[in-house]
């Protein structure tokens, strides 16, 4: 499977970067003030650079997680839908395709990823996005040209 075009901002040449669901959740969840602040600052920085990308899976997972009744402070349908509409209007959103799903299925046993993490990776890989911000992967791990950065890892 060949990689699609490498996503970059036209004006600056800055590479596009993907944020995983947990970054988007922490940006809207004040239960962990440190992670909330870091996620918010990262998103603002990436928006200012016009380099932020998400996949449709991230938007779907975000809705599922933040509206769960068992959460300490679940968002209403309207609140979550408004956030997702805002993200879809402001950021580049990569659709999931059969090719991305097949690449993810291959990656599960090959790279020991959960299927859902493999979908995030496969979307980035397919579109030539070199960095995914997420706490779900080993910090600084690289798989087939996609590097994972944990924005919540405390530098030592």
C-alpha atoms as a PDB file:
ATOM      1  CA  UNK A   1       0.000   0.000   0.000  1.00  0.00           C
ATOM      2  CA  UNK A   2       1.437   3.337  -1.000  1.00  0.00           C
ATOM      3  CA  UNK A   3       1.355   6.401   1.181  1.00  0.00           C
ATOM      4  CA  UNK A   4      -0.833   9.275   0.047  1.00  0.00           C
ATOM      5  CA  UNK A   5       0.491  12.791  -0.320  1.00  0.00           C
ATOM      6  CA  UNK A   6       2.397  14.311   2.585  1.00  0.00           C
ATOM      7  CA  UNK A   7       0.181  16.915   4.176  1.00  0.00           C
ATOM      8  CA  UNK A   8       1.832  20.306   4.733  1.00  0.00           C
ATOM      9  CA  UNK A   9       0.521  23.811   5.116  1.00  0.00           C
ATOM     10  CA  UNK A  10       0.851  25.607   1.812  1.00  0.00           C
ATOM     11  CA  UNK A  11       2.159  28.908   3.154  1.00  0.00           C
ATOM     12  CA  UNK A  12       4.724  27.715   5.690  1.00  0.00           C
ATOM     13  CA  UNK A  13       5.621  24.192   4.616  1.00  0.00           C
ATOM     14  CA  UNK A  14       5.068  23.084   8.231  1.00  0.00           C
ATOM     15  CA  UNK A  15       4.164  19.384   8.296  1.00  0.00           C
ATOM     16  CA  UNK A  16       0.654  18.500   9.356  1.00  0.00           C
ATOM     17  CA  UNK A  17       0.355  16.679  12.673  1.00  0.00           C
ATOM     18  CA  UNK A  18      -2.476  14.556  13.987  1.00  0.00           C
ATOM     19  CA  UNK A  19      -3.978  14.665  17.451  1.00  0.00           C
ATOM     20  CA  UNK A  20      -5.507  11.567  18.982  1.00  0.00           C
ATOM     21  CA  UNK A  21      -8.799  11.463  20.842  1.00  0.00           C
ATOM     22  CA  UNK A  22      -7.216  11.804  24.284  1.00  0.00           C
ATOM     23  CA  UNK A  23      -5.716  15.195  23.382  1.00  0.00           C
ATOM     24  CA  UNK A  24      -9.094  16.493  22.242  1.00  0.00           C
ATOM     25  CA  UNK A  25     -10.789  15.092  25.350  1.00  0.00           C
ATOM     26  CA  UNK A  26      -8.290  16.677  27.756  1.00  0.00           C
ATOM     27  CA  UNK A  27      -8.728  20.016  25.986  1.00  0.00           C
ATOM     28  CA  UNK A  28     -12.403  19.930  26.997  1.00  0.00           C
ATOM     29  CA  UNK A  29     -12.098  18.209  30.375  1.00  0.00           C
ATOM     30  CA  UNK A  30     -10.884  20.180  33.391  1.00  0.00           C
ATOM     31  CA  UNK A  31     -10.759  17.167  35.753  1.00  0.00           C
ATOM     32  CA  UNK A  32      -6.984  16.953  35.206  1.00  0.00           C
ATOM     33  CA  UNK A  33      -5.821  20.593  35.172  1.00  0.00           C
ATOM     34  CA  UNK A  34      -2.272  19.778  34.044  1.00  0.00           C
ATOM     35  CA  UNK A  35      -3.369  17.704  31.054  1.00  0.00           C
ATOM     36  CA  UNK A  36      -6.157  20.183  30.262  1.00  0.00           C
ATOM     37  CA  UNK A  37      -3.666  23.042  30.098  1.00  0.00           C
ATOM     38  CA  UNK A  38      -1.124  21.085  28.041  1.00  0.00           C
ATOM     39  CA  UNK A  39      -3.752  19.833  25.571  1.00  0.00           C
ATOM     40  CA  UNK A  40      -5.216  23.313  25.183  1.00  0.00           C
ATOM     41  CA  UNK A  41      -1.792  24.899  24.614  1.00  0.00           C
ATOM     42  CA  UNK A  42      -0.837  22.217  22.089  1.00  0.00           C
ATOM     43  CA  UNK A  43      -4.062  22.644  20.136  1.00  0.00           C
ATOM     44  CA  UNK A  44      -3.685  26.434  20.071  1.00  0.00           C
ATOM     45  CA  UNK A  45      -0.077  26.068  18.876  1.00  0.00           C
ATOM     46  CA  UNK A  46      -1.031  23.612  16.120  1.00  0.00           C
ATOM     47  CA  UNK A  47      -4.016  25.747  15.070  1.00  0.00           C
ATOM     48  CA  UNK A  48      -1.792  28.832  14.898  1.00  0.00           C
ATOM     49  CA  UNK A  49       0.544  26.879  12.599  1.00  0.00           C
ATOM     50  CA  UNK A  50      -2.431  25.560  10.626  1.00  0.00           C
ATOM     51  CA  UNK A  51      -0.910  22.110  11.057  1.00  0.00           C
ATOM     52  CA  UNK A  52      -3.596  20.196  12.973  1.00  0.00           C
ATOM     53  CA  UNK A  53      -5.354  17.152  11.524  1.00  0.00           C
ATOM     54  CA  UNK A  54      -7.777  14.599  12.990  1.00  0.00           C
ATOM     55  CA  UNK A  55      -9.451  11.545  11.547  1.00  0.00           C
ATOM     56  CA  UNK A  56     -13.174  10.961  11.592  1.00  0.00           C
ATOM     57  CA  UNK A  57     -12.481   8.192  14.096  1.00  0.00           C
ATOM     58  CA  UNK A  58     -11.109  10.758  16.568  1.00  0.00           C
ATOM     59  CA  UNK A  59     -14.307  12.802  16.287  1.00  0.00           C
ATOM     60  CA  UNK A  60     -16.472   9.706  16.729  1.00  0.00           C
ATOM     61  CA  UNK A  61     -14.482   8.477  19.731  1.00  0.00           C
ATOM     62  CA  UNK A  62     -14.555  11.957  21.269  1.00  0.00           C
ATOM     63  CA  UNK A  63     -18.352  12.010  21.143  1.00  0.00           C
ATOM     64  CA  UNK A  64     -18.616   8.509  22.583  1.00  0.00           C
ATOM     65  CA  UNK A  65     -16.304   9.233  25.512  1.00  0.00           C
ATOM     66  CA  UNK A  66     -17.434  12.728  26.534  1.00  0.00           C
ATOM     67  CA  UNK A  67     -21.162  11.953  26.465  1.00  0.00           C
ATOM     68  CA  UNK A  68     -20.992   8.717  28.495  1.00  0.00           C
ATOM     69  CA  UNK A  69     -23.339   9.008  31.459  1.00  0.00           C
ATOM     70  CA  UNK A  70     -20.767   7.374  33.755  1.00  0.00           C
ATOM     71  CA  UNK A  71     -18.324  10.280  33.309  1.00  0.00           C
ATOM     72  CA  UNK A  72     -17.967  12.634  36.248  1.00  0.00           C
ATOM     73  CA  UNK A  73     -19.260  15.523  34.121  1.00  0.00           C
ATOM     74  CA  UNK A  74     -20.581  14.201  30.797  1.00  0.00           C
ATOM     75  CA  UNK A  75     -21.222  16.657  28.009  1.00  0.00           C
ATOM     76  CA  UNK A  76     -24.692  16.892  26.568  1.00  0.00           C
ATOM     77  CA  UNK A  77     -25.313  15.809  22.995  1.00  0.00           C
ATOM     78  CA  UNK A  78     -25.546  19.472  21.990  1.00  0.00           C
ATOM     79  CA  UNK A  79     -22.260  20.438  23.695  1.00  0.00           C
ATOM     80  CA  UNK A  80     -20.344  17.547  22.132  1.00  0.00           C
ATOM     81  CA  UNK A  81     -21.929  18.089  18.718  1.00  0.00           C
ATOM     82  CA  UNK A  82     -20.992  21.788  18.787  1.00  0.00           C
ATOM     83  CA  UNK A  83     -17.372  20.961  19.632  1.00  0.00           C
ATOM     84  CA  UNK A  84     -17.230  18.414  16.808  1.00  0.00           C
ATOM     85  CA  UNK A  85     -18.788  20.858  14.344  1.00  0.00           C
ATOM     86  CA  UNK A  86     -16.227  23.468  15.348  1.00  0.00           C
ATOM     87  CA  UNK A  87     -13.350  21.026  14.884  1.00  0.00           C
ATOM     88  CA  UNK A  88     -14.705  19.869  11.516  1.00  0.00           C
ATOM     89  CA  UNK A  89     -14.981  23.478  10.358  1.00  0.00           C
ATOM     90  CA  UNK A  90     -11.545  24.564  11.587  1.00  0.00           C
ATOM     91  CA  UNK A  91      -9.270  21.535  11.131  1.00  0.00           C
ATOM     92  CA  UNK A  92      -8.492  19.139   8.368  1.00  0.00           C
ATOM     93  CA  UNK A  93     -10.446  15.904   8.905  1.00  0.00           C
ATOM     94  CA  UNK A  94      -9.236  12.701   7.269  1.00  0.00           C
ATOM     95  CA  UNK A  95     -12.016  10.255   6.411  1.00  0.00           C
ATOM     96  CA  UNK A  96     -11.628   6.573   7.122  1.00  0.00           C
ATOM     97  CA  UNK A  97     -11.510   4.519   3.955  1.00  0.00           C
ATOM     98  CA  UNK A  98     -11.413   0.808   3.212  1.00  0.00           C
ATOM     99  CA  UNK A  99      -7.679   1.152   2.479  1.00  0.00           C
ATOM    100  CA  UNK A 100      -7.051   2.717   5.901  1.00  0.00           C
ATOM    101  CA  UNK A 101      -9.067  -0.038   7.587  1.00  0.00           C
ATOM    102  CA  UNK A 102      -7.095  -2.728   5.752  1.00  0.00           C
ATOM    103  CA  UNK A 103      -3.787  -1.059   6.654  1.00  0.00           C
ATOM    104  CA  UNK A 104      -4.925  -0.953  10.298  1.00  0.00           C
ATOM    105  CA  UNK A 105      -5.880  -4.628  10.229  1.00  0.00           C
ATOM    106  CA  UNK A 106      -2.395  -5.488   8.946  1.00  0.00           C
ATOM    107  CA  UNK A 107      -0.801  -3.285  11.625  1.00  0.00           C
ATOM    108  CA  UNK A 108      -2.552  -4.941  14.581  1.00  0.00           C
ATOM    109  CA  UNK A 109      -0.435  -8.118  14.614  1.00  0.00           C
ATOM    110  CA  UNK A 110       2.622  -6.595  12.916  1.00  0.00           C
ATOM    111  CA  UNK A 111       3.039  -3.689  15.352  1.00  0.00           C
ATOM    112  CA  UNK A 112       1.114  -5.000  18.381  1.00  0.00           C
ATOM    113  CA  UNK A 113      -1.443  -2.195  18.275  1.00  0.00           C
ATOM    114  CA  UNK A 114      -5.064  -2.266  19.328  1.00  0.00           C
ATOM    115  CA  UNK A 115      -7.375  -1.995  16.338  1.00  0.00           C
ATOM    116  CA  UNK A 116      -8.495   1.521  17.322  1.00  0.00           C
ATOM    117  CA  UNK A 117      -4.901   2.752  17.743  1.00  0.00           C
ATOM    118  CA  UNK A 118      -4.005   1.068  14.455  1.00  0.00           C
ATOM    119  CA  UNK A 119      -6.769   3.049  12.718  1.00  0.00           C
ATOM    120  CA  UNK A 120      -5.313   6.330  13.982  1.00  0.00           C
ATOM    121  CA  UNK A 121      -1.838   5.260  12.859  1.00  0.00           C
ATOM    122  CA  UNK A 122      -3.075   4.005   9.470  1.00  0.00           C
ATOM    123  CA  UNK A 123      -4.883   7.273   8.718  1.00  0.00           C
ATOM    124  CA  UNK A 124      -1.710   9.232   9.469  1.00  0.00           C
ATOM    125  CA  UNK A 125       0.472   6.791   7.518  1.00  0.00           C
ATOM    126  CA  UNK A 126      -1.833   6.823   4.507  1.00  0.00           C
ATOM    127  CA  UNK A 127      -1.710  10.623   4.347  1.00  0.00           C
ATOM    128  CA  UNK A 128       1.996  11.080   5.038  1.00  0.00           C
ATOM    129  CA  UNK A 129       1.463  12.675   8.442  1.00  0.00           C
ATOM    130  CA  UNK A 130       4.678  12.145  10.386  1.00  0.00           C
ATOM    131  CA  UNK A 131       3.609  12.920  13.971  1.00  0.00           C
ATOM    132  CA  UNK A 132       0.665  11.843  16.113  1.00  0.00           C
ATOM    133  CA  UNK A 133       0.189  13.470  19.512  1.00  0.00           C
ATOM    134  CA  UNK A 134      -1.234  10.835  21.857  1.00  0.00           C
ATOM    135  CA  UNK A 135      -0.728   9.348  25.281  1.00  0.00           C
ATOM    136  CA  UNK A 136      -1.738   5.909  23.994  1.00  0.00           C
ATOM    137  CA  UNK A 137       1.591   5.016  22.412  1.00  0.00           C
ATOM    138  CA  UNK A 138       5.149   4.765  23.680  1.00  0.00           C
ATOM    139  CA  UNK A 139       6.621   8.284  23.628  1.00  0.00           C
ATOM    140  CA  UNK A 140       8.903   8.859  20.635  1.00  0.00           C
ATOM    141  CA  UNK A 141       8.079   5.450  19.146  1.00  0.00           C
ATOM    142  CA  UNK A 142       8.157   5.426  15.361  1.00  0.00           C
ATOM    143  CA  UNK A 143       6.275   3.017  13.130  1.00  0.00           C
ATOM    144  CA  UNK A 144       6.832   3.164   9.383  1.00  0.00           C
ATOM    145  CA  UNK A 145       7.611   6.867   9.371  1.00  0.00           C
ATOM    146  CA  UNK A 146       4.951   7.935  11.882  1.00  0.00           C
ATOM    147  CA  UNK A 147       6.299   9.133  15.239  1.00  0.00           C
ATOM    148  CA  UNK A 148       4.211   9.218  18.398  1.00  0.00           C
ATOM    149  CA  UNK A 149       4.681  12.075  20.828  1.00  0.00           C
ATOM    150  CA  UNK A 150       3.092  12.021  24.261  1.00  0.00           C
ATOM    151  CA  UNK A 151       2.384  15.700  24.981  1.00  0.00           C
ATOM    152  CA  UNK A 152       1.671  14.873  28.619  1.00  0.00           C
ATOM    153  CA  UNK A 153       4.988  13.200  29.344  1.00  0.00           C
ATOM    154  CA  UNK A 154       6.975  15.203  31.856  1.00  0.00           C
ATOM    155  CA  UNK A 155      10.459  15.948  30.552  1.00  0.00           C
ATOM    156  CA  UNK A 156      13.145  14.678  32.898  1.00  0.00           C
END
